Amino acid sequence: MKEQGAVVVKMIVFWGALILLMRQAILAGWIDRLIM
């Protein structure tokens, strides 16, 4: 059970980081468009 819990935590952290990176990329894209 402990190992399974660690895997779940790793997946949540991975997806959370991925979503944050995507959100930052989208925000940067919008800022670039506004500047242009």
Protein backbone atom coordinates (compact mmCIF):
# COMPACT_ATOMS: atom_id res chain seq x y z
CA MET A 1 0.00 0.00 0.00
CA LYS A 2 2.84 2.39 0.82
CA GLU A 3 4.46 1.87 -2.59
CA GLN A 4 1.14 2.42 -4.37
CA GLY A 5 0.61 5.66 -2.41
CA ALA A 6 4.08 6.89 -3.43
CA VAL A 7 3.26 6.21 -7.09
CA VAL A 8 0.01 8.17 -6.79
CA VAL A 9 1.83 11.12 -5.19
CA LYS A 10 4.48 11.06 -7.93
CA MET A 11 1.77 11.05 -10.63
CA ILE A 12 -0.08 13.98 -8.98
CA VAL A 13 3.16 15.99 -8.71
CA PHE A 14 4.06 15.15 -12.34
CA TRP A 15 0.66 16.17 -13.74
CA GLY A 16 0.53 19.25 -11.51
CA ALA A 17 3.94 20.41 -12.81
CA LEU A 18 2.89 19.65 -16.40
CA ILE A 19 -0.33 21.68 -16.06
CA LEU A 20 1.59 24.60 -14.48
CA LEU A 21 4.13 24.56 -17.34
CA MET A 22 1.34 24.46 -19.95
CA ARG A 23 -0.48 27.33 -18.21
CA GLN A 24 2.73 29.39 -18.13
CA ALA A 25 3.35 28.68 -21.82
CA ILE A 26 -0.24 29.73 -22.70
CA LEU A 27 0.08 32.93 -20.61
CA ALA A 28 3.43 33.72 -22.27
CA GLY A 29 1.83 33.16 -25.69
CA TRP A 30 -1.02 35.55 -24.83
CA ILE A 31 1.45 38.19 -23.56
CA ASP A 32 3.46 37.87 -26.80
CA ARG A 33 0.26 38.36 -28.82
CA LEU A 34 -0.78 41.40 -26.78
CA ILE A 35 2.68 42.98 -27.19
CA MET A 36 2.57 42.36 -30.95
